[in-house]
Amino acid sequence: MQNSSKFNDSFFVLLEAYCNGNRIPINDLCEMIYDCDYIFEKECGTYLSEKAKAKHQQAFVGNGKTKPDGLWNEHILTRKERVLKMIDMVIHDGAGRSELEKYMYDSWCCVYKLKDEKEEGIEAMSLLPEEHRLEIDLNEYIVKR
């Protein structure tokens, strides 16, 4: 049966292998989730920090607007935090692929920033234009949209 997911199977296969005790490095899972995040970026777009917006005269990447050179994609909830949460969901809650895909979307939030902007992770939320800042539930590691 064909998988109807918009994501390829690689991340989910490795996540399952990790949860079953195989020696899969967490960093490999973090790199693989980036491919899934790219799909969200294409679908939802990403805002630029205020400094990046001023420098590039562009507020948003998406809807046909491409990322200007010299920007860093900062995840508000880091890929590692999200991967660790998904491991917990699988091991302790028995989460399946549909729950994991929903969580991936619910936890995805990024900002494009200049490389000299030091804010990382949750602190990078302050880089977003105020009207686009989201509430973060740190108990569940999700973004409240």
C-alpha atoms as a PDB file:
ATOM      1  CA  MET A   1       0.000   0.000   0.000  1.00  0.00           C
ATOM      2  CA  GLN A   2       1.291   3.454  -0.964  1.00  0.00           C
ATOM      3  CA  ASN A   3       1.975   5.871   1.903  1.00  0.00           C
ATOM      4  CA  SER A   4      -0.071   9.059   1.397  1.00  0.00           C
ATOM      5  CA  SER A   5       2.211  11.169   3.592  1.00  0.00           C
ATOM      6  CA  LYS A   6       3.885  14.244   2.145  1.00  0.00           C
ATOM      7  CA  PHE A   7       7.105  13.117   3.848  1.00  0.00           C
ATOM      8  CA  ASN A   8       9.465  10.384   2.762  1.00  0.00           C
ATOM      9  CA  ASP A   9       9.873   7.431   5.111  1.00  0.00           C
ATOM     10  CA  SER A  10      13.531   7.952   6.046  1.00  0.00           C
ATOM     11  CA  PHE A  11      13.037   9.983   9.219  1.00  0.00           C
ATOM     12  CA  PHE A  12      10.273   7.723  10.514  1.00  0.00           C
ATOM     13  CA  VAL A  13      12.216   4.517   9.788  1.00  0.00           C
ATOM     14  CA  LEU A  14      15.260   5.839  11.654  1.00  0.00           C
ATOM     15  CA  LEU A  15      13.131   7.137  14.531  1.00  0.00           C
ATOM     16  CA  GLU A  16      11.500   3.729  14.910  1.00  0.00           C
ATOM     17  CA  ALA A  17      14.896   2.030  14.765  1.00  0.00           C
ATOM     18  CA  TYR A  18      16.211   4.359  17.467  1.00  0.00           C
ATOM     19  CA  CYS A  19      13.177   3.694  19.669  1.00  0.00           C
ATOM     20  CA  ASN A  20      13.710  -0.055  19.197  1.00  0.00           C
ATOM     21  CA  GLY A  21      17.232   0.193  20.615  1.00  0.00           C
ATOM     22  CA  ASN A  22      19.283   0.506  17.445  1.00  0.00           C
ATOM     23  CA  ARG A  23      22.338   2.747  17.584  1.00  0.00           C
ATOM     24  CA  ILE A  24      21.066   5.690  15.553  1.00  0.00           C
ATOM     25  CA  PRO A  25      22.774   8.986  16.482  1.00  0.00           C
ATOM     26  CA  ILE A  26      20.357  11.699  17.633  1.00  0.00           C
ATOM     27  CA  ASN A  27      22.190  14.116  15.331  1.00  0.00           C
ATOM     28  CA  ASP A  28      21.243  11.961  12.331  1.00  0.00           C
ATOM     29  CA  LEU A  29      17.587  12.235  13.313  1.00  0.00           C
ATOM     30  CA  CYS A  30      17.985  16.000  13.756  1.00  0.00           C
ATOM     31  CA  GLU A  31      19.430  16.310  10.257  1.00  0.00           C
ATOM     32  CA  MET A  32      16.667  14.147   8.769  1.00  0.00           C
ATOM     33  CA  ILE A  33      13.866  16.201  10.339  1.00  0.00           C
ATOM     34  CA  TYR A  34      15.254  19.190   8.459  1.00  0.00           C
ATOM     35  CA  ASP A  35      13.956  17.650   5.220  1.00  0.00           C
ATOM     36  CA  CYS A  36      10.479  17.488   6.746  1.00  0.00           C
ATOM     37  CA  ASP A  37      10.771  21.062   8.031  1.00  0.00           C
ATOM     38  CA  TYR A  38      11.609  22.233   4.515  1.00  0.00           C
ATOM     39  CA  ILE A  39       8.167  21.021   3.405  1.00  0.00           C
ATOM     40  CA  PHE A  40       6.541  23.138   6.127  1.00  0.00           C
ATOM     41  CA  GLU A  41       8.618  26.119   5.065  1.00  0.00           C
ATOM     42  CA  LYS A  42       7.476  25.738   1.463  1.00  0.00           C
ATOM     43  CA  GLU A  43       3.832  25.416   2.548  1.00  0.00           C
ATOM     44  CA  CYS A  44       3.720  28.014   5.332  1.00  0.00           C
ATOM     45  CA  GLY A  45       6.630  30.353   4.675  1.00  0.00           C
ATOM     46  CA  THR A  46       9.013  31.886   7.193  1.00  0.00           C
ATOM     47  CA  TYR A  47       9.324  35.442   8.474  1.00  0.00           C
ATOM     48  CA  LEU A  48      12.591  37.334   8.587  1.00  0.00           C
ATOM     49  CA  SER A  49      13.897  38.969  11.745  1.00  0.00           C
ATOM     50  CA  GLU A  50      13.495  42.740  11.970  1.00  0.00           C
ATOM     51  CA  LYS A  51      17.203  43.259  11.173  1.00  0.00           C
ATOM     52  CA  ALA A  52      17.100  40.843   8.237  1.00  0.00           C
ATOM     53  CA  LYS A  53      13.937  42.520   6.952  1.00  0.00           C
ATOM     54  CA  ALA A  54      15.612  45.937   7.082  1.00  0.00           C
ATOM     55  CA  LYS A  55      18.747  44.679   5.338  1.00  0.00           C
ATOM     56  CA  HIS A  56      16.999  42.741   2.570  1.00  0.00           C
ATOM     57  CA  GLN A  57      13.792  44.777   2.191  1.00  0.00           C
ATOM     58  CA  GLN A  58      11.820  41.576   2.478  1.00  0.00           C
ATOM     59  CA  ALA A  59       9.682  40.382   5.388  1.00  0.00           C
ATOM     60  CA  PHE A  60       8.813  36.836   4.354  1.00  0.00           C
ATOM     61  CA  VAL A  61      10.175  33.806   2.511  1.00  0.00           C
ATOM     62  CA  GLY A  62       7.433  31.846   0.795  1.00  0.00           C
ATOM     63  CA  ASN A  63       4.662  32.493  -1.710  1.00  0.00           C
ATOM     64  CA  GLY A  64       7.225  32.734  -4.494  1.00  0.00           C
ATOM     65  CA  LYS A  65       9.727  34.837  -2.514  1.00  0.00           C
ATOM     66  CA  THR A  66      13.071  33.123  -2.075  1.00  0.00           C
ATOM     67  CA  LYS A  67      15.475  33.381   0.842  1.00  0.00           C
ATOM     68  CA  PRO A  68      18.075  36.113   0.431  1.00  0.00           C
ATOM     69  CA  ASP A  69      21.701  35.028   0.794  1.00  0.00           C
ATOM     70  CA  GLY A  70      23.393  35.328   4.162  1.00  0.00           C
ATOM     71  CA  LEU A  71      20.457  34.345   6.384  1.00  0.00           C
ATOM     72  CA  TRP A  72      20.353  31.621   9.033  1.00  0.00           C
ATOM     73  CA  ASN A  73      17.211  29.557   9.609  1.00  0.00           C
ATOM     74  CA  GLU A  74      16.694  29.508  13.381  1.00  0.00           C
ATOM     75  CA  HIS A  75      14.207  27.005  14.785  1.00  0.00           C
ATOM     76  CA  ILE A  76      12.283  28.404  17.761  1.00  0.00           C
ATOM     77  CA  LEU A  77      11.858  24.880  19.120  1.00  0.00           C
ATOM     78  CA  THR A  78      15.138  23.294  18.102  1.00  0.00           C
ATOM     79  CA  ARG A  79      15.249  20.190  15.970  1.00  0.00           C
ATOM     80  CA  LYS A  80      16.889  18.311  18.840  1.00  0.00           C
ATOM     81  CA  GLU A  81      14.137  19.297  21.298  1.00  0.00           C
ATOM     82  CA  ARG A  82      11.527  18.177  18.794  1.00  0.00           C
ATOM     83  CA  VAL A  83      13.270  14.864  18.040  1.00  0.00           C
ATOM     84  CA  LEU A  84      13.621  14.091  21.752  1.00  0.00           C
ATOM     85  CA  LYS A  85       9.915  14.825  22.249  1.00  0.00           C
ATOM     86  CA  MET A  86       9.008  12.474  19.379  1.00  0.00           C
ATOM     87  CA  ILE A  87      11.191   9.734  20.868  1.00  0.00           C
ATOM     88  CA  ASP A  88       9.294  10.189  24.120  1.00  0.00           C
ATOM     89  CA  MET A  89       5.971  10.097  22.256  1.00  0.00           C
ATOM     90  CA  VAL A  90       6.866   6.790  20.597  1.00  0.00           C
ATOM     91  CA  ILE A  91       8.406   5.074  23.614  1.00  0.00           C
ATOM     92  CA  HIS A  92       5.993   6.241  26.321  1.00  0.00           C
ATOM     93  CA  ASP A  93       2.773   6.982  24.432  1.00  0.00           C
ATOM     94  CA  GLY A  94       3.006   4.548  21.517  1.00  0.00           C
ATOM     95  CA  ALA A  95       2.579   7.405  19.010  1.00  0.00           C
ATOM     96  CA  GLY A  96       2.209   6.382  15.390  1.00  0.00           C
ATOM     97  CA  ARG A  97       3.146   8.197  12.233  1.00  0.00           C
ATOM     98  CA  SER A  98       0.026  10.353  12.006  1.00  0.00           C
ATOM     99  CA  GLU A  99       0.545  11.638  15.573  1.00  0.00           C
ATOM    100  CA  LEU A 100       4.208  12.278  14.837  1.00  0.00           C
ATOM    101  CA  GLU A 101       3.430  14.183  11.643  1.00  0.00           C
ATOM    102  CA  LYS A 102       0.876  16.312  13.498  1.00  0.00           C
ATOM    103  CA  TYR A 103       3.421  17.013  16.221  1.00  0.00           C
ATOM    104  CA  MET A 104       6.035  17.937  13.612  1.00  0.00           C
ATOM    105  CA  TYR A 105       3.707  20.602  12.252  1.00  0.00           C
ATOM    106  CA  ASP A 106       2.544  21.756  15.691  1.00  0.00           C
ATOM    107  CA  SER A 107       6.137  22.211  16.854  1.00  0.00           C
ATOM    108  CA  TRP A 108       7.555  23.835  13.712  1.00  0.00           C
ATOM    109  CA  CYS A 109       8.338  27.544  13.924  1.00  0.00           C
ATOM    110  CA  CYS A 110      11.341  29.320  12.418  1.00  0.00           C
ATOM    111  CA  VAL A 111      12.746  32.757  11.753  1.00  0.00           C
ATOM    112  CA  TYR A 112      15.372  33.745   9.212  1.00  0.00           C
ATOM    113  CA  LYS A 113      17.981  35.858  10.946  1.00  0.00           C
ATOM    114  CA  LEU A 114      21.298  37.479  10.162  1.00  0.00           C
ATOM    115  CA  LYS A 115      24.253  35.363  11.189  1.00  0.00           C
ATOM    116  CA  ASP A 116      25.356  37.967  13.740  1.00  0.00           C
ATOM    117  CA  GLU A 117      22.025  37.834  15.597  1.00  0.00           C
ATOM    118  CA  LYS A 118      22.842  35.750  18.664  1.00  0.00           C
ATOM    119  CA  GLU A 119      19.355  34.668  19.792  1.00  0.00           C
ATOM    120  CA  GLU A 120      18.816  30.921  19.505  1.00  0.00           C
ATOM    121  CA  GLY A 121      15.918  28.553  20.144  1.00  0.00           C
ATOM    122  CA  ILE A 122      13.097  30.033  22.240  1.00  0.00           C
ATOM    123  CA  GLU A 123      14.978  33.334  22.556  1.00  0.00           C
ATOM    124  CA  ALA A 124      14.817  33.734  18.770  1.00  0.00           C
ATOM    125  CA  MET A 125      11.049  34.289  19.043  1.00  0.00           C
ATOM    126  CA  SER A 126      11.963  37.874  19.997  1.00  0.00           C
ATOM    127  CA  LEU A 127      13.432  38.338  16.506  1.00  0.00           C
ATOM    128  CA  LEU A 128      10.047  37.867  14.851  1.00  0.00           C
ATOM    129  CA  PRO A 129       7.874  40.893  14.175  1.00  0.00           C
ATOM    130  CA  GLU A 130       5.673  41.276  17.262  1.00  0.00           C
ATOM    131  CA  GLU A 131       2.474  40.559  15.339  1.00  0.00           C
ATOM    132  CA  HIS A 132       3.879  37.171  14.243  1.00  0.00           C
ATOM    133  CA  ARG A 133       5.167  35.931  17.593  1.00  0.00           C
ATOM    134  CA  LEU A 134       3.492  32.759  18.788  1.00  0.00           C
ATOM    135  CA  GLU A 135       2.899  31.271  22.193  1.00  0.00           C
ATOM    136  CA  ILE A 136       4.989  28.215  23.012  1.00  0.00           C
ATOM    137  CA  ASP A 137       3.768  25.421  25.282  1.00  0.00           C
ATOM    138  CA  LEU A 138       7.006  24.193  26.852  1.00  0.00           C
ATOM    139  CA  ASN A 139       5.293  21.256  28.546  1.00  0.00           C
ATOM    140  CA  GLU A 140       4.289  19.796  25.179  1.00  0.00           C
ATOM    141  CA  TYR A 141       6.910  21.552  23.001  1.00  0.00           C
ATOM    142  CA  ILE A 142       4.303  22.867  20.590  1.00  0.00           C
ATOM    143  CA  VAL A 143       3.510  26.232  19.074  1.00  0.00           C
ATOM    144  CA  LYS A 144       0.039  27.615  19.754  1.00  0.00           C
ATOM    145  CA  ARG A 145      -1.119  29.031  16.416  1.00  0.00           C
END
